[in-house]
Amino acid sequence: MVAGPWWHLMLSQQHRLILLKLARDSITSGIMTGQPLQLNLNDYPPELTEERATFVTLEINDKLRGCIGSLEARRSLAKDIAENSWAAAFNDPRFPAVSKSELETVDIHLSILSIPQSMQFSSERELINQLRPRIDGLILEEGGFRATFLPSVWESLEEPAYFLQHLKQKAGLPTDYWSDNLRVYRYTTESFGEDRNHD
C-alpha cells in the first residue's frame, strides 16, 4: 500500500487494544526483567507487523511521566510500540524509571505517525501560515539541531507562532532564530490511549 501525504493507518478497535496491551506488557517486562517484551511477530496480525514510526507517552494523574518515539519507520509497528513503551518508562532522561508501585497508575497513549512531508516556504511568516493547529506534528532541523512536537502539543500551545517558537527552543535554538537552511517536515498521527478509571 502506498502512503499518501496525509495517509492514516486507521486501526480497528481490536488492533488498538492489542497495541495498548502490548505497551503495558512491555513496561511490566521492564520492571520484572529489565528488558522490553520479546515479540514473535507471527503472533500478530499483518496490520501490526508493517514498518511504522510511533511515539509512546506515559502520564500519571494527567502529568507527563515519559515520552519516547521514532520519527522514521525502521521496524514493525508492534516492535516499535514495545521498544518505545519500555524506553518511555525507563530511558526518558527527564524522569526516573517507572517503579512497580506506579505501574497501576500509569496511563499509556500511543501515536502512529504518517510519513513526514517536507514543507516549502520562503519566510517564517509563510511557514506559520501553513501550519494546521491540532492536526500537524512538526519536525524541525537545522544543522545538528533537531526536535519534534506531536499534534497533541497544540493543546498547550494553540497559536502557530508560539508552537514554532517552542519547537525551536526544544531543538536548542533561540525562539527568534531563522535561516534559509531551516528544514521543517509535518506529519499527522493516529492517536489513542487507554480508557481507564483509577477511582
N, C-alpha and C. Protein backbone atom coordinates (compact mmCIF):
# COMPACT_ATOMS: atom_id res chain seq x y z
N MET A 1 0.84 -1.19 0.00
CA MET A 1 0.00 0.00 0.00
C MET A 1 0.87 1.24 0.00
N VAL A 2 0.62 2.17 -0.89
CA VAL A 2 1.40 3.38 -0.97
C VAL A 2 0.81 4.42 -0.04
N ALA A 3 1.67 5.04 0.74
CA ALA A 3 1.21 6.03 1.71
C ALA A 3 1.17 7.41 1.08
N GLY A 4 0.02 8.03 1.10
CA GLY A 4 -0.12 9.39 0.61
C GLY A 4 0.34 10.38 1.66
N PRO A 5 0.34 11.67 1.34
CA PRO A 5 0.85 12.68 2.26
C PRO A 5 0.18 12.67 3.62
N TRP A 6 -1.13 12.48 3.67
CA TRP A 6 -1.83 12.53 4.95
C TRP A 6 -2.53 11.20 5.23
N TRP A 7 -1.89 10.15 4.78
CA TRP A 7 -2.44 8.81 4.94
C TRP A 7 -2.51 8.43 6.41
N HIS A 8 -3.59 7.79 6.79
CA HIS A 8 -3.76 7.28 8.15
C HIS A 8 -3.85 5.77 8.12
N LEU A 9 -3.27 5.16 9.12
CA LEU A 9 -3.34 3.71 9.23
C LEU A 9 -4.76 3.26 9.57
N MET A 10 -5.42 4.00 10.47
CA MET A 10 -6.80 3.72 10.87
C MET A 10 -6.98 2.27 11.31
N LEU A 11 -6.46 1.98 12.46
CA LEU A 11 -6.56 0.63 13.03
C LEU A 11 -7.96 0.36 13.54
N SER A 12 -8.31 -0.90 13.57
CA SER A 12 -9.57 -1.29 14.19
C SER A 12 -9.44 -1.16 15.70
N GLN A 13 -10.57 -1.13 16.39
CA GLN A 13 -10.53 -1.05 17.84
C GLN A 13 -9.81 -2.25 18.44
N GLN A 14 -9.99 -3.40 17.83
CA GLN A 14 -9.32 -4.61 18.31
C GLN A 14 -7.79 -4.46 18.21
N HIS A 15 -7.33 -3.93 17.08
CA HIS A 15 -5.88 -3.75 16.91
C HIS A 15 -5.34 -2.71 17.88
N ARG A 16 -6.11 -1.66 18.14
CA ARG A 16 -5.68 -0.66 19.11
C ARG A 16 -5.52 -1.29 20.50
N LEU A 17 -6.47 -2.13 20.87
CA LEU A 17 -6.42 -2.78 22.19
C LEU A 17 -5.22 -3.72 22.28
N ILE A 18 -4.90 -4.40 21.18
CA ILE A 18 -3.72 -5.28 21.17
C ILE A 18 -2.46 -4.46 21.42
N LEU A 19 -2.34 -3.30 20.76
CA LEU A 19 -1.15 -2.47 20.91
C LEU A 19 -1.05 -1.87 22.31
N LEU A 20 -2.17 -1.47 22.87
CA LEU A 20 -2.15 -0.91 24.22
C LEU A 20 -1.75 -1.97 25.25
N LYS A 21 -2.26 -3.19 25.07
CA LYS A 21 -1.86 -4.28 25.97
C LYS A 21 -0.37 -4.60 25.79
N LEU A 22 0.08 -4.58 24.54
CA LEU A 22 1.48 -4.83 24.25
C LEU A 22 2.37 -3.79 24.95
N ALA A 23 1.94 -2.52 24.89
CA ALA A 23 2.71 -1.46 25.54
C ALA A 23 2.80 -1.69 27.04
N ARG A 24 1.68 -2.01 27.66
CA ARG A 24 1.68 -2.24 29.11
C ARG A 24 2.49 -3.49 29.46
N ASP A 25 2.37 -4.53 28.65
CA ASP A 25 3.14 -5.75 28.90
C ASP A 25 4.64 -5.49 28.80
N SER A 26 5.03 -4.60 27.88
CA SER A 26 6.46 -4.31 27.70
C SER A 26 7.00 -3.52 28.90
N ILE A 27 6.19 -2.63 29.45
CA ILE A 27 6.61 -1.90 30.66
C ILE A 27 6.70 -2.87 31.84
N THR A 28 5.73 -3.76 31.95
CA THR A 28 5.76 -4.77 33.02
C THR A 28 6.99 -5.65 32.88
N SER A 29 7.31 -6.02 31.65
CA SER A 29 8.51 -6.81 31.39
C SER A 29 9.75 -6.06 31.85
N GLY A 30 9.76 -4.73 31.61
CA GLY A 30 10.90 -3.92 32.04
C GLY A 30 11.07 -3.94 33.54
N ILE A 31 9.98 -3.89 34.27
CA ILE A 31 10.05 -3.94 35.74
C ILE A 31 10.52 -5.31 36.22
N MET A 32 10.05 -6.37 35.56
CA MET A 32 10.36 -7.73 36.01
C MET A 32 11.74 -8.21 35.55
N THR A 33 12.13 -7.82 34.32
CA THR A 33 13.36 -8.38 33.73
C THR A 33 14.39 -7.33 33.32
N GLY A 34 13.98 -6.06 33.29
CA GLY A 34 14.89 -5.02 32.83
C GLY A 34 14.96 -4.89 31.33
N GLN A 35 14.17 -5.67 30.61
CA GLN A 35 14.21 -5.67 29.15
C GLN A 35 12.81 -5.46 28.58
N PRO A 36 12.73 -4.93 27.34
CA PRO A 36 11.42 -4.84 26.68
C PRO A 36 10.85 -6.23 26.42
N LEU A 37 9.56 -6.29 26.20
CA LEU A 37 8.91 -7.55 25.87
C LEU A 37 9.47 -8.10 24.56
N GLN A 38 9.80 -9.37 24.56
CA GLN A 38 10.30 -10.01 23.34
C GLN A 38 9.12 -10.53 22.53
N LEU A 39 9.07 -10.16 21.26
CA LEU A 39 7.91 -10.47 20.43
C LEU A 39 8.20 -11.57 19.43
N ASN A 40 7.16 -12.33 19.12
CA ASN A 40 7.14 -13.19 17.95
C ASN A 40 6.11 -12.58 17.01
N LEU A 41 6.59 -11.94 15.94
CA LEU A 41 5.68 -11.20 15.06
C LEU A 41 4.66 -12.10 14.38
N ASN A 42 4.91 -13.41 14.37
CA ASN A 42 3.92 -14.33 13.81
C ASN A 42 2.64 -14.36 14.64
N ASP A 43 2.73 -13.87 15.87
CA ASP A 43 1.56 -13.87 16.76
C ASP A 43 0.65 -12.67 16.50
N TYR A 44 1.05 -11.77 15.62
CA TYR A 44 0.31 -10.52 15.42
C TYR A 44 -0.26 -10.45 14.00
N PRO A 45 -1.40 -9.77 13.84
CA PRO A 45 -1.99 -9.62 12.51
C PRO A 45 -1.08 -8.79 11.60
N PRO A 46 -1.19 -8.97 10.29
CA PRO A 46 -0.30 -8.28 9.35
C PRO A 46 -0.30 -6.77 9.52
N GLU A 47 -1.44 -6.19 9.89
CA GLU A 47 -1.52 -4.73 10.04
C GLU A 47 -0.57 -4.21 11.11
N LEU A 48 -0.21 -5.07 12.05
CA LEU A 48 0.64 -4.65 13.16
C LEU A 48 2.10 -5.03 12.96
N THR A 49 2.41 -5.63 11.81
CA THR A 49 3.80 -6.00 11.54
C THR A 49 4.42 -5.15 10.44
N GLU A 50 3.65 -4.25 9.84
CA GLU A 50 4.21 -3.33 8.86
C GLU A 50 5.10 -2.31 9.56
N GLU A 51 6.12 -1.83 8.86
CA GLU A 51 7.03 -0.85 9.47
C GLU A 51 6.32 0.49 9.68
N ARG A 52 6.36 0.98 10.91
CA ARG A 52 5.74 2.25 11.25
C ARG A 52 6.58 2.96 12.30
N ALA A 53 6.48 4.27 12.33
CA ALA A 53 7.11 5.08 13.37
C ALA A 53 6.05 5.45 14.40
N THR A 54 6.41 5.36 15.68
CA THR A 54 5.44 5.60 16.74
C THR A 54 6.05 6.42 17.88
N PHE A 55 5.16 7.02 18.66
CA PHE A 55 5.55 7.65 19.93
C PHE A 55 4.68 7.05 21.03
N VAL A 56 5.29 6.86 22.18
CA VAL A 56 4.57 6.38 23.36
C VAL A 56 4.69 7.45 24.44
N THR A 57 3.54 7.89 24.95
CA THR A 57 3.51 8.90 26.01
C THR A 57 2.89 8.29 27.25
N LEU A 58 3.57 8.46 28.38
CA LEU A 58 3.08 7.96 29.66
C LEU A 58 2.68 9.14 30.54
N GLU A 59 1.55 9.01 31.21
CA GLU A 59 1.08 10.05 32.13
C GLU A 59 0.64 9.41 33.44
N ILE A 60 0.80 10.16 34.51
CA ILE A 60 0.23 9.79 35.82
C ILE A 60 -0.53 11.02 36.33
N ASN A 61 -1.81 10.83 36.59
CA ASN A 61 -2.66 11.95 37.02
C ASN A 61 -2.60 13.12 36.05
N ASP A 62 -2.64 12.79 34.75
CA ASP A 62 -2.65 13.78 33.67
C ASP A 62 -1.35 14.57 33.57
N LYS A 63 -0.28 14.10 34.21
CA LYS A 63 1.02 14.76 34.10
C LYS A 63 2.00 13.83 33.39
N LEU A 64 2.82 14.41 32.54
CA LEU A 64 3.77 13.63 31.75
C LEU A 64 4.69 12.82 32.66
N ARG A 65 4.88 11.55 32.32
CA ARG A 65 5.75 10.65 33.08
C ARG A 65 6.82 10.02 32.21
N GLY A 66 6.73 10.28 30.90
CA GLY A 66 7.73 9.76 29.97
C GLY A 66 7.20 9.81 28.56
N CYS A 67 8.08 10.07 27.60
CA CYS A 67 7.67 10.09 26.19
C CYS A 67 8.89 9.80 25.33
N ILE A 68 8.80 8.73 24.56
CA ILE A 68 9.88 8.33 23.66
C ILE A 68 9.25 7.88 22.35
N GLY A 69 9.91 8.18 21.24
CA GLY A 69 9.35 7.75 19.97
C GLY A 69 10.36 7.67 18.85
N SER A 70 9.85 7.32 17.69
CA SER A 70 10.64 7.20 16.47
C SER A 70 10.05 8.14 15.42
N LEU A 71 10.91 8.78 14.65
CA LEU A 71 10.44 9.67 13.58
C LEU A 71 10.46 8.98 12.22
N GLU A 72 11.28 7.93 12.09
CA GLU A 72 11.31 7.17 10.85
C GLU A 72 10.87 5.73 11.11
N ALA A 73 10.16 5.18 10.14
CA ALA A 73 9.69 3.79 10.26
C ALA A 73 10.85 2.85 9.95
N ARG A 74 11.36 2.17 10.97
CA ARG A 74 12.51 1.29 10.80
C ARG A 74 12.26 -0.12 11.32
N ARG A 75 11.11 -0.32 11.98
CA ARG A 75 10.80 -1.66 12.49
C ARG A 75 9.29 -1.81 12.51
N SER A 76 8.84 -3.01 12.76
CA SER A 76 7.40 -3.28 12.71
C SER A 76 6.67 -2.44 13.74
N LEU A 77 5.40 -2.16 13.47
CA LEU A 77 4.57 -1.37 14.37
C LEU A 77 4.56 -1.99 15.77
N ALA A 78 4.34 -3.29 15.87
CA ALA A 78 4.29 -3.95 17.18
C ALA A 78 5.62 -3.81 17.92
N LYS A 79 6.72 -4.04 17.23
CA LYS A 79 8.04 -3.95 17.88
C LYS A 79 8.35 -2.52 18.27
N ASP A 80 7.98 -1.55 17.43
CA ASP A 80 8.24 -0.15 17.75
C ASP A 80 7.48 0.26 19.01
N ILE A 81 6.24 -0.20 19.13
CA ILE A 81 5.45 0.09 20.33
C ILE A 81 6.09 -0.55 21.57
N ALA A 82 6.51 -1.80 21.44
CA ALA A 82 7.12 -2.50 22.57
C ALA A 82 8.41 -1.81 23.02
N GLU A 83 9.26 -1.45 22.07
CA GLU A 83 10.54 -0.82 22.40
C GLU A 83 10.34 0.58 22.95
N ASN A 84 9.45 1.38 22.34
CA ASN A 84 9.25 2.75 22.78
C ASN A 84 8.51 2.82 24.12
N SER A 85 7.64 1.87 24.39
CA SER A 85 6.96 1.82 25.69
C SER A 85 7.97 1.57 26.79
N TRP A 86 8.84 0.61 26.56
CA TRP A 86 9.89 0.31 27.53
C TRP A 86 10.80 1.52 27.72
N ALA A 87 11.19 2.16 26.61
CA ALA A 87 12.10 3.31 26.70
C ALA A 87 11.44 4.50 27.40
N ALA A 88 10.14 4.72 27.13
CA ALA A 88 9.44 5.83 27.78
C ALA A 88 9.38 5.63 29.29
N ALA A 89 9.26 4.38 29.71
CA ALA A 89 9.16 4.07 31.14
C ALA A 89 10.51 4.09 31.84
N PHE A 90 11.57 3.73 31.15
CA PHE A 90 12.84 3.52 31.83
C PHE A 90 14.02 4.32 31.28
N ASN A 91 13.89 4.90 30.09
CA ASN A 91 15.04 5.56 29.47
C ASN A 91 14.79 7.02 29.12
N ASP A 92 13.68 7.62 29.54
CA ASP A 92 13.48 9.04 29.30
C ASP A 92 14.36 9.79 30.31
N PRO A 93 15.37 10.54 29.85
CA PRO A 93 16.31 11.16 30.79
C PRO A 93 15.68 12.23 31.69
N ARG A 94 14.47 12.66 31.37
CA ARG A 94 13.81 13.68 32.19
C ARG A 94 13.18 13.12 33.46
N PHE A 95 13.05 11.79 33.51
CA PHE A 95 12.31 11.18 34.62
C PHE A 95 13.05 9.97 35.16
N PRO A 96 12.83 9.65 36.45
CA PRO A 96 13.33 8.38 36.96
C PRO A 96 12.55 7.22 36.34
N ALA A 97 13.09 6.04 36.44
CA ALA A 97 12.41 4.86 35.90
C ALA A 97 11.07 4.66 36.60
N VAL A 98 10.08 4.23 35.84
CA VAL A 98 8.78 3.91 36.42
C VAL A 98 8.95 2.75 37.40
N SER A 99 8.37 2.90 38.57
CA SER A 99 8.50 1.87 39.60
C SER A 99 7.32 0.91 39.54
N LYS A 100 7.48 -0.22 40.19
CA LYS A 100 6.41 -1.22 40.23
C LYS A 100 5.15 -0.63 40.86
N SER A 101 5.32 0.21 41.88
CA SER A 101 4.15 0.79 42.55
C SER A 101 3.41 1.80 41.67
N GLU A 102 4.10 2.34 40.67
CA GLU A 102 3.47 3.31 39.77
C GLU A 102 2.73 2.65 38.61
N LEU A 103 3.02 1.40 38.37
CA LEU A 103 2.53 0.73 37.16
C LEU A 103 1.02 0.83 37.01
N GLU A 104 0.28 0.65 38.09
CA GLU A 104 -1.18 0.66 38.01
C GLU A 104 -1.75 2.05 37.74
N THR A 105 -0.96 3.10 38.01
CA THR A 105 -1.47 4.46 37.83
C THR A 105 -1.00 5.10 36.53
N VAL A 106 -0.14 4.42 35.79
CA VAL A 106 0.36 4.96 34.53
C VAL A 106 -0.70 4.80 33.44
N ASP A 107 -0.98 5.91 32.74
CA ASP A 107 -1.84 5.87 31.56
C ASP A 107 -0.97 5.91 30.31
N ILE A 108 -1.30 5.06 29.35
CA ILE A 108 -0.49 4.91 28.13
C ILE A 108 -1.23 5.52 26.95
N HIS A 109 -0.53 6.35 26.18
CA HIS A 109 -1.08 6.95 24.97
C HIS A 109 -0.14 6.64 23.81
N LEU A 110 -0.70 6.15 22.72
CA LEU A 110 0.09 5.76 21.56
C LEU A 110 -0.22 6.67 20.38
N SER A 111 0.81 7.02 19.63
CA SER A 111 0.65 7.82 18.41
C SER A 111 1.41 7.14 17.28
N ILE A 112 0.70 6.89 16.17
CA ILE A 112 1.32 6.28 14.99
C ILE A 112 1.46 7.36 13.93
N LEU A 113 2.68 7.57 13.48
CA LEU A 113 2.97 8.70 12.59
C LEU A 113 2.75 8.35 11.13
N SER A 114 2.23 9.32 10.39
CA SER A 114 2.24 9.22 8.94
C SER A 114 3.66 9.53 8.45
N ILE A 115 3.90 9.37 7.16
CA ILE A 115 5.23 9.66 6.61
C ILE A 115 5.43 11.17 6.59
N PRO A 116 6.49 11.70 7.22
CA PRO A 116 6.70 13.15 7.24
C PRO A 116 6.87 13.72 5.83
N GLN A 117 6.27 14.89 5.63
CA GLN A 117 6.33 15.58 4.34
C GLN A 117 7.08 16.90 4.50
N SER A 118 8.02 17.13 3.59
CA SER A 118 8.80 18.36 3.63
C SER A 118 7.92 19.56 3.31
N MET A 119 8.03 20.62 4.09
CA MET A 119 7.25 21.83 3.87
C MET A 119 8.09 22.84 3.07
N GLN A 120 7.44 23.55 2.17
CA GLN A 120 8.10 24.54 1.33
C GLN A 120 7.67 25.93 1.75
N PHE A 121 8.65 26.80 2.04
CA PHE A 121 8.33 28.15 2.49
C PHE A 121 9.55 29.04 2.25
N SER A 122 9.31 30.33 2.16
CA SER A 122 10.40 31.28 1.91
C SER A 122 10.60 32.24 3.08
N SER A 123 9.72 32.16 4.09
CA SER A 123 9.85 33.02 5.25
C SER A 123 9.18 32.36 6.45
N GLU A 124 9.48 32.86 7.62
CA GLU A 124 8.85 32.32 8.82
C GLU A 124 7.34 32.55 8.79
N ARG A 125 6.93 33.72 8.33
CA ARG A 125 5.50 34.02 8.26
C ARG A 125 4.79 33.05 7.33
N GLU A 126 5.41 32.74 6.21
CA GLU A 126 4.80 31.79 5.26
C GLU A 126 4.68 30.41 5.89
N LEU A 127 5.70 30.01 6.63
CA LEU A 127 5.65 28.72 7.32
C LEU A 127 4.52 28.70 8.34
N ILE A 128 4.44 29.74 9.16
CA ILE A 128 3.41 29.81 10.19
C ILE A 128 2.02 29.75 9.59
N ASN A 129 1.83 30.42 8.46
CA ASN A 129 0.52 30.45 7.82
C ASN A 129 0.10 29.08 7.28
N GLN A 130 1.07 28.19 7.06
CA GLN A 130 0.75 26.85 6.54
C GLN A 130 0.39 25.86 7.65
N LEU A 131 0.71 26.20 8.88
CA LEU A 131 0.51 25.25 9.98
C LEU A 131 -0.97 25.03 10.26
N ARG A 132 -1.32 23.79 10.59
CA ARG A 132 -2.70 23.42 10.87
C ARG A 132 -2.81 22.98 12.33
N PRO A 133 -3.27 23.90 13.19
CA PRO A 133 -3.37 23.58 14.61
C PRO A 133 -4.18 22.31 14.86
N ARG A 134 -3.67 21.49 15.80
CA ARG A 134 -4.30 20.24 16.25
C ARG A 134 -4.28 19.13 15.19
N ILE A 135 -3.66 19.41 14.05
CA ILE A 135 -3.54 18.39 13.00
C ILE A 135 -2.08 18.03 12.76
N ASP A 136 -1.26 19.06 12.60
CA ASP A 136 0.13 18.83 12.22
C ASP A 136 1.03 18.53 13.40
N GLY A 137 1.84 17.48 13.26
CA GLY A 137 3.04 17.33 14.05
C GLY A 137 4.18 17.90 13.23
N LEU A 138 5.19 18.46 13.89
CA LEU A 138 6.29 19.10 13.16
C LEU A 138 7.63 18.52 13.57
N ILE A 139 8.52 18.41 12.59
CA ILE A 139 9.93 18.10 12.82
C ILE A 139 10.72 19.29 12.31
N LEU A 140 11.58 19.84 13.14
CA LEU A 140 12.41 20.98 12.76
C LEU A 140 13.86 20.56 12.78
N GLU A 141 14.59 20.89 11.71
CA GLU A 141 16.00 20.52 11.62
C GLU A 141 16.82 21.73 11.16
N GLU A 142 17.97 21.90 11.78
CA GLU A 142 18.92 22.94 11.39
C GLU A 142 20.31 22.50 11.82
N GLY A 143 21.14 22.12 10.85
CA GLY A 143 22.46 21.61 11.20
C GLY A 143 22.33 20.39 12.09
N GLY A 144 22.96 20.43 13.27
CA GLY A 144 22.88 19.31 14.20
C GLY A 144 21.72 19.42 15.18
N PHE A 145 20.87 20.42 14.99
CA PHE A 145 19.73 20.61 15.89
C PHE A 145 18.49 19.96 15.29
N ARG A 146 17.72 19.30 16.16
CA ARG A 146 16.51 18.62 15.67
C ARG A 146 15.53 18.42 16.82
N ALA A 147 14.26 18.62 16.54
CA ALA A 147 13.23 18.40 17.56
C ALA A 147 11.90 18.17 16.87
N THR A 148 10.98 17.57 17.62
CA THR A 148 9.63 17.36 17.09
C THR A 148 8.60 17.67 18.17
N PHE A 149 7.43 18.09 17.73
CA PHE A 149 6.24 18.20 18.57
C PHE A 149 5.15 17.36 17.95
N LEU A 150 4.53 16.50 18.74
CA LEU A 150 3.35 15.76 18.29
C LEU A 150 2.16 16.71 18.17
N PRO A 151 1.15 16.35 17.39
CA PRO A 151 -0.05 17.20 17.30
C PRO A 151 -0.69 17.49 18.66
N SER A 152 -0.53 16.60 19.62
CA SER A 152 -1.13 16.82 20.94
C SER A 152 -0.58 18.04 21.64
N VAL A 153 0.60 18.52 21.23
CA VAL A 153 1.20 19.70 21.87
C VAL A 153 0.38 20.96 21.59
N TRP A 154 -0.42 20.94 20.52
CA TRP A 154 -1.29 22.08 20.23
C TRP A 154 -2.25 22.37 21.39
N GLU A 155 -2.53 21.37 22.21
CA GLU A 155 -3.45 21.58 23.33
C GLU A 155 -2.91 22.61 24.31
N SER A 156 -1.59 22.71 24.43
CA SER A 156 -0.99 23.69 25.34
C SER A 156 -0.35 24.88 24.62
N LEU A 157 -0.13 24.75 23.32
CA LEU A 157 0.43 25.84 22.51
C LEU A 157 -0.47 26.03 21.30
N GLU A 158 -1.53 26.79 21.47
CA GLU A 158 -2.58 26.87 20.45
C GLU A 158 -2.23 27.80 19.29
N GLU A 159 -1.36 28.78 19.51
CA GLU A 159 -1.01 29.73 18.46
C GLU A 159 0.15 29.20 17.63
N PRO A 160 0.00 29.16 16.30
CA PRO A 160 1.08 28.62 15.46
C PRO A 160 2.44 29.27 15.70
N ALA A 161 2.47 30.59 15.91
CA ALA A 161 3.75 31.26 16.14
C ALA A 161 4.41 30.76 17.42
N TYR A 162 3.63 30.58 18.48
CA TYR A 162 4.17 30.07 19.74
C TYR A 162 4.59 28.62 19.60
N PHE A 163 3.81 27.85 18.88
CA PHE A 163 4.13 26.44 18.62
C PHE A 163 5.52 26.34 18.00
N LEU A 164 5.76 27.17 16.97
CA LEU A 164 7.05 27.14 16.28
C LEU A 164 8.17 27.64 17.18
N GLN A 165 7.92 28.69 17.95
CA GLN A 165 8.94 29.22 18.85
C GLN A 165 9.39 28.17 19.87
N HIS A 166 8.43 27.49 20.45
CA HIS A 166 8.76 26.48 21.46
C HIS A 166 9.45 25.27 20.84
N LEU A 167 9.11 24.96 19.60
CA LEU A 167 9.79 23.86 18.92
C LEU A 167 11.25 24.22 18.66
N LYS A 168 11.52 25.46 18.27
CA LYS A 168 12.90 25.90 18.12
C LYS A 168 13.65 25.77 19.44
N GLN A 169 12.99 26.20 20.50
CA GLN A 169 13.60 26.14 21.83
C GLN A 169 13.92 24.70 22.21
N LYS A 170 13.00 23.80 21.92
CA LYS A 170 13.23 22.38 22.21
C LYS A 170 14.43 21.85 21.44
N ALA A 171 14.63 22.36 20.22
CA ALA A 171 15.75 21.92 19.39
C ALA A 171 17.08 22.52 19.83
N GLY A 172 17.02 23.48 20.77
CA GLY A 172 18.24 24.13 21.24
C GLY A 172 18.57 25.41 20.51
N LEU A 173 17.58 25.97 19.81
CA LEU A 173 17.76 27.20 19.04
C LEU A 173 17.03 28.36 19.73
N PRO A 174 17.46 29.60 19.51
CA PRO A 174 16.71 30.75 20.04
C PRO A 174 15.31 30.81 19.42
N THR A 175 14.36 31.35 20.18
CA THR A 175 12.98 31.40 19.69
C THR A 175 12.83 32.29 18.46
N ASP A 176 13.74 33.27 18.28
CA ASP A 176 13.65 34.15 17.12
C ASP A 176 14.61 33.72 16.00
N TYR A 177 15.14 32.51 16.11
CA TYR A 177 16.11 32.03 15.11
C TYR A 177 15.44 31.84 13.76
N TRP A 178 16.18 32.23 12.72
CA TRP A 178 15.72 31.95 11.36
C TRP A 178 16.91 31.85 10.42
N SER A 179 16.84 30.92 9.49
CA SER A 179 17.85 30.80 8.45
C SER A 179 17.24 30.11 7.24
N ASP A 180 17.85 30.35 6.09
CA ASP A 180 17.35 29.72 4.86
C ASP A 180 17.63 28.23 4.84
N ASN A 181 18.45 27.75 5.77
CA ASN A 181 18.77 26.32 5.83
C ASN A 181 17.82 25.55 6.74
N LEU A 182 16.90 26.26 7.40
CA LEU A 182 15.96 25.60 8.31
C LEU A 182 15.04 24.68 7.50
N ARG A 183 14.91 23.45 7.98
CA ARG A 183 14.02 22.48 7.30
C ARG A 183 12.91 22.06 8.27
N VAL A 184 11.70 22.01 7.75
CA VAL A 184 10.55 21.62 8.57
C VAL A 184 9.74 20.57 7.82
N TYR A 185 9.35 19.53 8.54
CA TYR A 185 8.52 18.47 7.99
C TYR A 185 7.26 18.37 8.85
N ARG A 186 6.17 18.02 8.23
CA ARG A 186 4.97 17.81 9.03
C ARG A 186 4.42 16.41 8.80
N TYR A 187 3.70 15.94 9.81
CA TYR A 187 3.10 14.62 9.77
C TYR A 187 1.81 14.66 10.57
N THR A 188 0.99 13.68 10.38
CA THR A 188 -0.21 13.53 11.20
C THR A 188 -0.05 12.25 12.03
N THR A 189 -0.91 12.07 13.00
CA THR A 189 -0.84 10.87 13.82
C THR A 189 -2.22 10.26 13.98
N GLU A 190 -2.21 8.95 14.14
CA GLU A 190 -3.39 8.26 14.64
C GLU A 190 -3.09 7.99 16.11
N SER A 191 -3.83 8.66 16.98
CA SER A 191 -3.52 8.61 18.41
C SER A 191 -4.68 8.02 19.20
N PHE A 192 -4.33 7.25 20.22
CA PHE A 192 -5.33 6.63 21.07
C PHE A 192 -4.67 6.23 22.38
N GLY A 193 -5.50 6.06 23.41
CA GLY A 193 -4.95 5.70 24.71
C GLY A 193 -5.89 4.78 25.46
N GLU A 194 -5.48 4.44 26.65
CA GLU A 194 -6.26 3.55 27.49
C GLU A 194 -7.46 4.30 28.06
N ASP A 195 -8.56 3.63 28.14
CA ASP A 195 -9.75 4.17 28.79
C ASP A 195 -9.85 3.53 30.17
N ARG A 196 -9.17 4.13 31.11
CA ARG A 196 -9.05 3.52 32.43
C ARG A 196 -9.59 4.46 33.48
N ASN A 197 -10.08 3.88 34.55
CA ASN A 197 -10.61 4.66 35.67
C ASN A 197 -9.86 4.25 36.93
N HIS A 198 -9.21 5.23 37.56
CA HIS A 198 -8.41 4.93 38.75
C HIS A 198 -9.17 5.10 40.05
N ASP A 199 -10.47 5.44 39.96
CA ASP A 199 -11.25 5.65 41.18
C ASP A 199 -11.43 4.34 41.93
